[in-house]
Amino acid sequence: MQIIVSGQQMEVTEPLKKYATEKVGRIQKHFDHMTTTNVVLHVEKNRHMAEATVHAKGATLHADAQGVDMYAAIDELADKLDRQVLKHKEKITDHRV
């Protein structure tokens, strides 16, 4: 899976990029059919926002989150994406045995 981390009107530092890649990359253990993930980080006054679009086989998942700092926003974003991926995986799994 390819993870692209970019900043909108801000410079993304290497530790921030590594943290976002690590957190978003953990959703791959639930679902292997993901191709690319775009993570965009931006700050408006005191609002730190993170949003991500995951392109997976059969679906495109999108989530955004806000936090008191950028690390908290990335944590919340990863949790939201994790729930969405698990829900998508349940939908495509054939439950008839």
PDB file of N, CA and C in Angstrom:
ATOM      1  N   MET A   1       0.852  -1.174   0.000  1.00  0.00           N
ATOM      2  CA  MET A   1       0.000   0.000   0.000  1.00  0.00           C
ATOM      3  C   MET A   1       0.896   1.235   0.000  1.00  0.00           C
ATOM      4  N   GLN A   2       0.516   2.181  -0.820  1.00  0.00           N
ATOM      5  CA  GLN A   2       1.265   3.429  -0.910  1.00  0.00           C
ATOM      6  C   GLN A   2       0.534   4.495  -0.091  1.00  0.00           C
ATOM      7  N   ILE A   3       1.250   5.146   0.817  1.00  0.00           N
ATOM      8  CA  ILE A   3       0.675   6.192   1.664  1.00  0.00           C
ATOM      9  C   ILE A   3       1.355   7.505   1.321  1.00  0.00           C
ATOM     10  N   ILE A   4       0.553   8.494   0.921  1.00  0.00           N
ATOM     11  CA  ILE A   4       1.053   9.816   0.559  1.00  0.00           C
ATOM     12  C   ILE A   4       0.585  10.801   1.621  1.00  0.00           C
ATOM     13  N   VAL A   5       1.528  11.442   2.302  1.00  0.00           N
ATOM     14  CA  VAL A   5       1.209  12.424   3.338  1.00  0.00           C
ATOM     15  C   VAL A   5       1.605  13.795   2.814  1.00  0.00           C
ATOM     16  N   SER A   6       0.642  14.718   2.803  1.00  0.00           N
ATOM     17  CA  SER A   6       0.927  16.063   2.331  1.00  0.00           C
ATOM     18  C   SER A   6       0.294  17.075   3.274  1.00  0.00           C
ATOM     19  N   GLY A   7       0.746  18.304   3.169  1.00  0.00           N
ATOM     20  CA  GLY A   7       0.218  19.370   3.999  1.00  0.00           C
ATOM     21  C   GLY A   7      -0.398  20.457   3.145  1.00  0.00           C
ATOM     22  N   GLN A   8      -1.476  21.005   3.618  1.00  0.00           N
ATOM     23  CA  GLN A   8      -2.132  22.101   2.915  1.00  0.00           C
ATOM     24  C   GLN A   8      -1.836  23.380   3.691  1.00  0.00           C
ATOM     25  N   GLN A   9      -1.076  24.253   3.086  1.00  0.00           N
ATOM     26  CA  GLN A   9      -0.644  25.517   3.678  1.00  0.00           C
ATOM     27  C   GLN A   9       0.167  25.306   4.958  1.00  0.00           C
ATOM     28  N   MET A  10       0.902  24.212   5.001  1.00  0.00           N
ATOM     29  CA  MET A  10       1.810  23.937   6.108  1.00  0.00           C
ATOM     30  C   MET A  10       2.867  22.956   5.625  1.00  0.00           C
ATOM     31  N   GLU A  11       4.003  22.979   6.288  1.00  0.00           N
ATOM     32  CA  GLU A  11       5.070  22.061   5.943  1.00  0.00           C
ATOM     33  C   GLU A  11       4.975  20.839   6.854  1.00  0.00           C
ATOM     34  N   VAL A  12       4.990  19.668   6.253  1.00  0.00           N
ATOM     35  CA  VAL A  12       4.898  18.432   7.011  1.00  0.00           C
ATOM     36  C   VAL A  12       6.311  18.000   7.397  1.00  0.00           C
ATOM     37  N   THR A  13       6.579  17.939   8.693  1.00  0.00           N
ATOM     38  CA  THR A  13       7.901  17.544   9.161  1.00  0.00           C
ATOM     39  C   THR A  13       8.057  16.027   9.060  1.00  0.00           C
ATOM     40  N   GLU A  14       9.279  15.570   9.108  1.00  0.00           N
ATOM     41  CA  GLU A  14       9.557  14.131   8.981  1.00  0.00           C
ATOM     42  C   GLU A  14       8.941  13.309  10.126  1.00  0.00           C
ATOM     43  N   PRO A  15       9.025  13.749  11.402  1.00  0.00           N
ATOM     44  CA  PRO A  15       8.369  12.960  12.465  1.00  0.00           C
ATOM     45  C   PRO A  15       6.847  12.895  12.297  1.00  0.00           C
ATOM     46  N   LEU A  16       6.258  13.985  11.836  1.00  0.00           N
ATOM     47  CA  LEU A  16       4.813  14.004  11.617  1.00  0.00           C
ATOM     48  C   LEU A  16       4.426  13.067  10.473  1.00  0.00           C
ATOM     49  N   LYS A  17       5.228  13.068   9.434  1.00  0.00           N
ATOM     50  CA  LYS A  17       4.983  12.185   8.290  1.00  0.00           C
ATOM     51  C   LYS A  17       5.130  10.719   8.702  1.00  0.00           C
ATOM     52  N   LYS A  18       6.149  10.429   9.495  1.00  0.00           N
ATOM     53  CA  LYS A  18       6.375   9.061   9.956  1.00  0.00           C
ATOM     54  C   LYS A  18       5.235   8.594  10.852  1.00  0.00           C
ATOM     55  N   TYR A  19       4.762   9.471  11.737  1.00  0.00           N
ATOM     56  CA  TYR A  19       3.670   9.139  12.646  1.00  0.00           C
ATOM     57  C   TYR A  19       2.387   8.853  11.872  1.00  0.00           C
ATOM     58  N   ALA A  20       2.073   9.705  10.895  1.00  0.00           N
ATOM     59  CA  ALA A  20       0.854   9.515  10.099  1.00  0.00           C
ATOM     60  C   ALA A  20       0.940   8.226   9.285  1.00  0.00           C
ATOM     61  N   THR A  21       2.097   7.948   8.706  1.00  0.00           N
ATOM     62  CA  THR A  21       2.273   6.728   7.918  1.00  0.00           C
ATOM     63  C   THR A  21       2.124   5.490   8.791  1.00  0.00           C
ATOM     64  N   GLU A  22       2.674   5.540   9.991  1.00  0.00           N
ATOM     65  CA  GLU A  22       2.591   4.404  10.909  1.00  0.00           C
ATOM     66  C   GLU A  22       1.150   4.160  11.352  1.00  0.00           C
ATOM     67  N   LYS A  23       0.442   5.222  11.717  1.00  0.00           N
ATOM     68  CA  LYS A  23      -0.921   5.085  12.221  1.00  0.00           C
ATOM     69  C   LYS A  23      -1.892   4.631  11.130  1.00  0.00           C
ATOM     70  N   VAL A  24      -1.786   5.231   9.961  1.00  0.00           N
ATOM     71  CA  VAL A  24      -2.696   4.873   8.870  1.00  0.00           C
ATOM     72  C   VAL A  24      -2.309   3.508   8.291  1.00  0.00           C
ATOM     73  N   GLY A  25      -1.039   3.165   8.343  1.00  0.00           N
ATOM     74  CA  GLY A  25      -0.582   1.891   7.823  1.00  0.00           C
ATOM     75  C   GLY A  25      -1.074   0.691   8.605  1.00  0.00           C
ATOM     76  N   ARG A  26      -1.486   0.896   9.850  1.00  0.00           N
ATOM     77  CA  ARG A  26      -1.935  -0.241  10.656  1.00  0.00           C
ATOM     78  C   ARG A  26      -3.290  -0.780  10.201  1.00  0.00           C
ATOM     79  N   ILE A  27      -4.045   0.003   9.427  1.00  0.00           N
ATOM     80  CA  ILE A  27      -5.328  -0.518   8.944  1.00  0.00           C
ATOM     81  C   ILE A  27      -5.127  -1.568   7.866  1.00  0.00           C
ATOM     82  N   GLN A  28      -3.922  -1.669   7.347  1.00  0.00           N
ATOM     83  CA  GLN A  28      -3.655  -2.665   6.321  1.00  0.00           C
ATOM     84  C   GLN A  28      -3.704  -4.084   6.887  1.00  0.00           C
ATOM     85  N   LYS A  29      -3.498  -4.242   8.182  1.00  0.00           N
ATOM     86  CA  LYS A  29      -3.547  -5.581   8.762  1.00  0.00           C
ATOM     87  C   LYS A  29      -4.970  -6.141   8.762  1.00  0.00           C
ATOM     88  N   HIS A  30      -5.975  -5.269   8.659  1.00  0.00           N
ATOM     89  CA  HIS A  30      -7.362  -5.732   8.612  1.00  0.00           C
ATOM     90  C   HIS A  30      -7.817  -6.057   7.195  1.00  0.00           C
ATOM     91  N   PHE A  31      -7.260  -5.347   6.216  1.00  0.00           N
ATOM     92  CA  PHE A  31      -7.776  -5.456   4.852  1.00  0.00           C
ATOM     93  C   PHE A  31      -6.621  -5.285   3.883  1.00  0.00           C
ATOM     94  N   ASP A  32      -6.320  -6.325   3.098  1.00  0.00           N
ATOM     95  CA  ASP A  32      -5.139  -6.328   2.239  1.00  0.00           C
ATOM     96  C   ASP A  32      -5.357  -5.706   0.866  1.00  0.00           C
ATOM     97  N   HIS A  33      -6.572  -5.405   0.498  1.00  0.00           N
ATOM     98  CA  HIS A  33      -6.870  -4.974  -0.867  1.00  0.00           C
ATOM     99  C   HIS A  33      -6.810  -3.459  -1.059  1.00  0.00           C
ATOM    100  N   MET A  34      -6.024  -2.759  -0.257  1.00  0.00           N
ATOM    101  CA  MET A  34      -5.902  -1.315  -0.389  1.00  0.00           C
ATOM    102  C   MET A  34      -4.742  -0.981  -1.323  1.00  0.00           C
ATOM    103  N   THR A  35      -4.951   0.004  -2.188  1.00  0.00           N
ATOM    104  CA  THR A  35      -3.906   0.365  -3.140  1.00  0.00           C
ATOM    105  C   THR A  35      -3.177   1.631  -2.716  1.00  0.00           C
ATOM    106  N   THR A  36      -3.894   2.745  -2.571  1.00  0.00           N
ATOM    107  CA  THR A  36      -3.253   4.004  -2.177  1.00  0.00           C
ATOM    108  C   THR A  36      -4.060   4.687  -1.084  1.00  0.00           C
ATOM    109  N   THR A  37      -3.360   5.479  -0.312  1.00  0.00           N
ATOM    110  CA  THR A  37      -3.989   6.294   0.721  1.00  0.00           C
ATOM    111  C   THR A  37      -3.388   7.684   0.653  1.00  0.00           C
ATOM    112  N   ASN A  38      -4.246   8.693   0.560  1.00  0.00           N
ATOM    113  CA  ASN A  38      -3.807  10.087   0.557  1.00  0.00           C
ATOM    114  C   ASN A  38      -4.204  10.721   1.886  1.00  0.00           C
ATOM    115  N   VAL A  39      -3.223  11.225   2.619  1.00  0.00           N
ATOM    116  CA  VAL A  39      -3.466  11.889   3.894  1.00  0.00           C
ATOM    117  C   VAL A  39      -3.100  13.359   3.726  1.00  0.00           C
ATOM    118  N   VAL A  40      -4.034  14.244   4.063  1.00  0.00           N
ATOM    119  CA  VAL A  40      -3.809  15.683   3.956  1.00  0.00           C
ATOM    120  C   VAL A  40      -3.948  16.278   5.360  1.00  0.00           C
ATOM    121  N   LEU A  41      -2.932  17.001   5.784  1.00  0.00           N
ATOM    122  CA  LEU A  41      -2.922  17.661   7.087  1.00  0.00           C
ATOM    123  C   LEU A  41      -2.999  19.167   6.880  1.00  0.00           C
ATOM    124  N   HIS A  42      -3.857  19.846   7.662  1.00  0.00           N
ATOM    125  CA  HIS A  42      -3.894  21.299   7.566  1.00  0.00           C
ATOM    126  C   HIS A  42      -4.334  21.915   8.883  1.00  0.00           C
ATOM    127  N   VAL A  43      -3.957  23.170   9.051  1.00  0.00           N
ATOM    128  CA  VAL A  43      -4.229  23.917  10.271  1.00  0.00           C
ATOM    129  C   VAL A  43      -4.954  25.202   9.898  1.00  0.00           C
ATOM    130  N   GLU A  44      -6.053  25.473  10.583  1.00  0.00           N
ATOM    131  CA  GLU A  44      -6.775  26.745  10.441  1.00  0.00           C
ATOM    132  C   GLU A  44      -6.897  27.348  11.837  1.00  0.00           C
ATOM    133  N   LYS A  45      -6.204  28.411  12.060  1.00  0.00           N
ATOM    134  CA  LYS A  45      -6.131  29.063  13.373  1.00  0.00           C
ATOM    135  C   LYS A  45      -5.745  28.033  14.426  1.00  0.00           C
ATOM    136  N   ASN A  46      -6.656  27.637  15.298  1.00  0.00           N
ATOM    137  CA  ASN A  46      -6.326  26.673  16.356  1.00  0.00           C
ATOM    138  C   ASN A  46      -6.870  25.275  16.071  1.00  0.00           C
ATOM    139  N   ARG A  47      -7.419  25.064  14.883  1.00  0.00           N
ATOM    140  CA  ARG A  47      -7.981  23.754  14.535  1.00  0.00           C
ATOM    141  C   ARG A  47      -6.974  22.962  13.715  1.00  0.00           C
ATOM    142  N   HIS A  48      -6.571  21.837  14.238  1.00  0.00           N
ATOM    143  CA  HIS A  48      -5.667  20.936  13.527  1.00  0.00           C
ATOM    144  C   HIS A  48      -6.531  19.845  12.896  1.00  0.00           C
ATOM    145  N   MET A  49      -6.465  19.734  11.577  1.00  0.00           N
ATOM    146  CA  MET A  49      -7.334  18.799  10.880  1.00  0.00           C
ATOM    147  C   MET A  49      -6.512  17.832  10.044  1.00  0.00           C
ATOM    148  N   ALA A  50      -7.007  16.616   9.972  1.00  0.00           N
ATOM    149  CA  ALA A  50      -6.398  15.577   9.147  1.00  0.00           C
ATOM    150  C   ALA A  50      -7.515  14.886   8.386  1.00  0.00           C
ATOM    151  N   GLU A  51      -7.280  14.629   7.116  1.00  0.00           N
ATOM    152  CA  GLU A  51      -8.268  13.898   6.339  1.00  0.00           C
ATOM    153  C   GLU A  51      -7.546  12.896   5.452  1.00  0.00           C
ATOM    154  N   ALA A  52      -8.227  11.802   5.169  1.00  0.00           N
ATOM    155  CA  ALA A  52      -7.606  10.739   4.386  1.00  0.00           C
ATOM    156  C   ALA A  52      -8.626  10.128   3.451  1.00  0.00           C
ATOM    157  N   THR A  53      -8.128   9.702   2.297  1.00  0.00           N
ATOM    158  CA  THR A  53      -8.923   8.975   1.324  1.00  0.00           C
ATOM    159  C   THR A  53      -8.191   7.674   1.028  1.00  0.00           C
ATOM    160  N   VAL A  54      -8.872   6.575   1.266  1.00  0.00           N
ATOM    161  CA  VAL A  54      -8.296   5.252   1.041  1.00  0.00           C
ATOM    162  C   VAL A  54      -8.947   4.657  -0.195  1.00  0.00           C
ATOM    163  N   HIS A  55      -8.132   4.304  -1.169  1.00  0.00           N
ATOM    164  CA  HIS A  55      -8.626   3.652  -2.376  1.00  0.00           C
ATOM    165  C   HIS A  55      -8.391   2.161  -2.202  1.00  0.00           C
ATOM    166  N   ALA A  56      -9.475   1.418  -2.096  1.00  0.00           N
ATOM    167  CA  ALA A  56      -9.397  -0.024  -1.907  1.00  0.00           C
ATOM    168  C   ALA A  56     -10.121  -0.712  -3.060  1.00  0.00           C
ATOM    169  N   LYS A  57      -9.899  -1.985  -3.155  1.00  0.00           N
ATOM    170  CA  LYS A  57     -10.556  -2.763  -4.195  1.00  0.00           C
ATOM    171  C   LYS A  57     -12.058  -2.792  -3.898  1.00  0.00           C
ATOM    172  N   GLY A  58     -12.828  -2.162  -4.744  1.00  0.00           N
ATOM    173  CA  GLY A  58     -14.275  -2.159  -4.576  1.00  0.00           C
ATOM    174  C   GLY A  58     -14.840  -0.980  -3.814  1.00  0.00           C
ATOM    175  N   ALA A  59     -14.009  -0.100  -3.279  1.00  0.00           N
ATOM    176  CA  ALA A  59     -14.550   1.016  -2.507  1.00  0.00           C
ATOM    177  C   ALA A  59     -13.510   2.115  -2.355  1.00  0.00           C
ATOM    178  N   THR A  60     -14.010   3.317  -2.086  1.00  0.00           N
ATOM    179  CA  THR A  60     -13.173   4.446  -1.723  1.00  0.00           C
ATOM    180  C   THR A  60     -13.694   4.954  -0.386  1.00  0.00           C
ATOM    181  N   LEU A  61     -12.842   4.936   0.621  1.00  0.00           N
ATOM    182  CA  LEU A  61     -13.226   5.347   1.965  1.00  0.00           C
ATOM    183  C   LEU A  61     -12.611   6.697   2.275  1.00  0.00           C
ATOM    184  N   HIS A  62     -13.391   7.568   2.927  1.00  0.00           N
ATOM    185  CA  HIS A  62     -12.910   8.899   3.262  1.00  0.00           C
ATOM    186  C   HIS A  62     -13.253   9.192   4.715  1.00  0.00           C
ATOM    187  N   ALA A  63     -12.318   9.828   5.417  1.00  0.00           N
ATOM    188  CA  ALA A  63     -12.555  10.233   6.804  1.00  0.00           C
ATOM    189  C   ALA A  63     -11.792  11.511   7.076  1.00  0.00           C
ATOM    190  N   ASP A  64     -12.322  12.306   7.996  1.00  0.00           N
ATOM    191  CA  ASP A  64     -11.602  13.495   8.442  1.00  0.00           C
ATOM    192  C   ASP A  64     -11.787  13.630   9.949  1.00  0.00           C
ATOM    193  N   ALA A  65     -10.828  14.298  10.579  1.00  0.00           N
ATOM    194  CA  ALA A  65     -10.843  14.419  12.033  1.00  0.00           C
ATOM    195  C   ALA A  65     -10.183  15.722  12.448  1.00  0.00           C
ATOM    196  N   GLN A  66     -10.561  16.185  13.644  1.00  0.00           N
ATOM    197  CA  GLN A  66      -9.983  17.390  14.219  1.00  0.00           C
ATOM    198  C   GLN A  66      -9.455  17.059  15.603  1.00  0.00           C
ATOM    199  N   GLY A  67      -8.435  17.794  16.026  1.00  0.00           N
ATOM    200  CA  GLY A  67      -7.881  17.561  17.351  1.00  0.00           C
ATOM    201  C   GLY A  67      -7.231  18.811  17.895  1.00  0.00           C
ATOM    202  N   VAL A  68      -6.823  18.731  19.168  1.00  0.00           N
ATOM    203  CA  VAL A  68      -6.180  19.877  19.807  1.00  0.00           C
ATOM    204  C   VAL A  68      -4.766  20.081  19.274  1.00  0.00           C
ATOM    205  N   ASP A  69      -4.138  19.001  18.822  1.00  0.00           N
ATOM    206  CA  ASP A  69      -2.869  19.100  18.113  1.00  0.00           C
ATOM    207  C   ASP A  69      -2.910  18.107  16.950  1.00  0.00           C
ATOM    208  N   MET A  70      -1.905  18.143  16.110  1.00  0.00           N
ATOM    209  CA  MET A  70      -1.920  17.332  14.902  1.00  0.00           C
ATOM    210  C   MET A  70      -1.849  15.842  15.214  1.00  0.00           C
ATOM    211  N   TYR A  71      -1.135  15.477  16.251  1.00  0.00           N
ATOM    212  CA  TYR A  71      -1.018  14.061  16.610  1.00  0.00           C
ATOM    213  C   TYR A  71      -2.369  13.500  17.072  1.00  0.00           C
ATOM    214  N   ALA A  72      -3.132  14.295  17.823  1.00  0.00           N
ATOM    215  CA  ALA A  72      -4.461  13.861  18.261  1.00  0.00           C
ATOM    216  C   ALA A  72      -5.406  13.723  17.057  1.00  0.00           C
ATOM    217  N   ALA A  73      -5.297  14.630  16.101  1.00  0.00           N
ATOM    218  CA  ALA A  73      -6.125  14.551  14.905  1.00  0.00           C
ATOM    219  C   ALA A  73      -5.790  13.302  14.091  1.00  0.00           C
ATOM    220  N   ILE A  74      -4.508  12.971  13.995  1.00  0.00           N
ATOM    221  CA  ILE A  74      -4.100  11.772  13.258  1.00  0.00           C
ATOM    222  C   ILE A  74      -4.589  10.512  13.972  1.00  0.00           C
ATOM    223  N   ASP A  75      -4.535  10.501  15.305  1.00  0.00           N
ATOM    224  CA  ASP A  75      -5.041   9.355  16.069  1.00  0.00           C
ATOM    225  C   ASP A  75      -6.528   9.136  15.809  1.00  0.00           C
ATOM    226  N   GLU A  76      -7.294  10.219  15.869  1.00  0.00           N
ATOM    227  CA  GLU A  76      -8.736  10.118  15.642  1.00  0.00           C
ATOM    228  C   GLU A  76      -9.032   9.680  14.208  1.00  0.00           C
ATOM    229  N   LEU A  77      -8.263  10.193  13.264  1.00  0.00           N
ATOM    230  CA  LEU A  77      -8.425   9.815  11.864  1.00  0.00           C
ATOM    231  C   LEU A  77      -8.159   8.320  11.676  1.00  0.00           C
ATOM    232  N   ALA A  78      -7.109   7.808  12.281  1.00  0.00           N
ATOM    233  CA  ALA A  78      -6.781   6.388  12.162  1.00  0.00           C
ATOM    234  C   ALA A  78      -7.880   5.518  12.762  1.00  0.00           C
ATOM    235  N   ASP A  79      -8.458   5.949  13.874  1.00  0.00           N
ATOM    236  CA  ASP A  79      -9.548   5.190  14.486  1.00  0.00           C
ATOM    237  C   ASP A  79     -10.774   5.156  13.580  1.00  0.00           C
ATOM    238  N   LYS A  80     -11.106   6.288  12.973  1.00  0.00           N
ATOM    239  CA  LYS A  80     -12.255   6.340  12.067  1.00  0.00           C
ATOM    240  C   LYS A  80     -12.036   5.450  10.849  1.00  0.00           C
ATOM    241  N   LEU A  81     -10.847   5.515  10.274  1.00  0.00           N
ATOM    242  CA  LEU A  81     -10.551   4.681   9.116  1.00  0.00           C
ATOM    243  C   LEU A  81     -10.578   3.200   9.481  1.00  0.00           C
ATOM    244  N   ASP A  82     -10.101   2.881  10.662  1.00  0.00           N
ATOM    245  CA  ASP A  82     -10.102   1.498  11.119  1.00  0.00           C
ATOM    246  C   ASP A  82     -11.529   0.959  11.183  1.00  0.00           C
ATOM    247  N   ARG A  83     -12.437   1.738  11.749  1.00  0.00           N
ATOM    248  CA  ARG A  83     -13.839   1.310  11.827  1.00  0.00           C
ATOM    249  C   ARG A  83     -14.452   1.161  10.440  1.00  0.00           C
ATOM    250  N   GLN A  84     -14.144   2.089   9.533  1.00  0.00           N
ATOM    251  CA  GLN A  84     -14.701   2.017   8.190  1.00  0.00           C
ATOM    252  C   GLN A  84     -14.188   0.797   7.427  1.00  0.00           C
ATOM    253  N   VAL A  85     -12.914   0.496   7.578  1.00  0.00           N
ATOM    254  CA  VAL A  85     -12.334  -0.659   6.887  1.00  0.00           C
ATOM    255  C   VAL A  85     -12.944  -1.949   7.416  1.00  0.00           C
ATOM    256  N   LEU A  86     -13.122  -2.060   8.726  1.00  0.00           N
ATOM    257  CA  LEU A  86     -13.736  -3.257   9.287  1.00  0.00           C
ATOM    258  C   LEU A  86     -15.180  -3.411   8.807  1.00  0.00           C
ATOM    259  N   LYS A  87     -15.909  -2.307   8.718  1.00  0.00           N
ATOM    260  CA  LYS A  87     -17.281  -2.351   8.236  1.00  0.00           C
ATOM    261  C   LYS A  87     -17.328  -2.766   6.767  1.00  0.00           C
ATOM    262  N   HIS A  88     -16.413  -2.231   5.965  1.00  0.00           N
ATOM    263  CA  HIS A  88     -16.348  -2.587   4.554  1.00  0.00           C
ATOM    264  C   HIS A  88     -15.991  -4.067   4.387  1.00  0.00           C
ATOM    265  N   LYS A  89     -15.094  -4.551   5.201  1.00  0.00           N
ATOM    266  CA  LYS A  89     -14.688  -5.953   5.141  1.00  0.00           C
ATOM    267  C   LYS A  89     -15.863  -6.869   5.486  1.00  0.00           C
ATOM    268  N   GLU A  90     -16.660  -6.472   6.468  1.00  0.00           N
ATOM    269  CA  GLU A  90     -17.845  -7.250   6.828  1.00  0.00           C
ATOM    270  C   GLU A  90     -18.841  -7.303   5.669  1.00  0.00           C
ATOM    271  N   LYS A  91     -18.981  -6.211   4.970  1.00  0.00           N
ATOM    272  CA  LYS A  91     -19.940  -6.163   3.855  1.00  0.00           C
ATOM    273  C   LYS A  91     -19.550  -7.100   2.724  1.00  0.00           C
ATOM    274  N   ILE A  92     -18.261  -7.164   2.421  1.00  0.00           N
ATOM    275  CA  ILE A  92     -17.857  -7.966   1.288  1.00  0.00           C
ATOM    276  C   ILE A  92     -17.627  -9.439   1.631  1.00  0.00           C
ATOM    277  N   THR A  93     -17.601  -9.774   2.914  1.00  0.00           N
ATOM    278  CA  THR A  93     -17.401 -11.164   3.327  1.00  0.00           C
ATOM    279  C   THR A  93     -18.710 -11.923   3.143  1.00  0.00           C
ATOM    280  N   ASP A  94     -18.620 -13.069   2.530  1.00  0.00           N
ATOM    281  CA  ASP A  94     -19.798 -13.911   2.342  1.00  0.00           C
ATOM    282  C   ASP A  94     -20.074 -14.647   3.647  1.00  0.00           C
ATOM    283  N   HIS A  95     -21.238 -14.404   4.228  1.00  0.00           N
ATOM    284  CA  HIS A  95     -21.550 -15.000   5.512  1.00  0.00           C
ATOM    285  C   HIS A  95     -22.224 -16.366   5.371  1.00  0.00           C
ATOM    286  N   ARG A  96     -22.612 -16.720   4.157  1.00  0.00           N
ATOM    287  CA  ARG A  96     -23.237 -18.028   3.970  1.00  0.00           C
ATOM    288  C   ARG A  96     -22.149 -19.098   3.915  1.00  0.00           C
ATOM    289  N   VAL A  97     -22.284 -20.071   4.749  1.00  0.00           N
ATOM    290  CA  VAL A  97     -21.264 -21.125   4.795  1.00  0.00           C
ATOM    291  C   VAL A  97     -21.737 -22.387   4.160  1.00  0.00           C
TER     292      VAL A  97
END
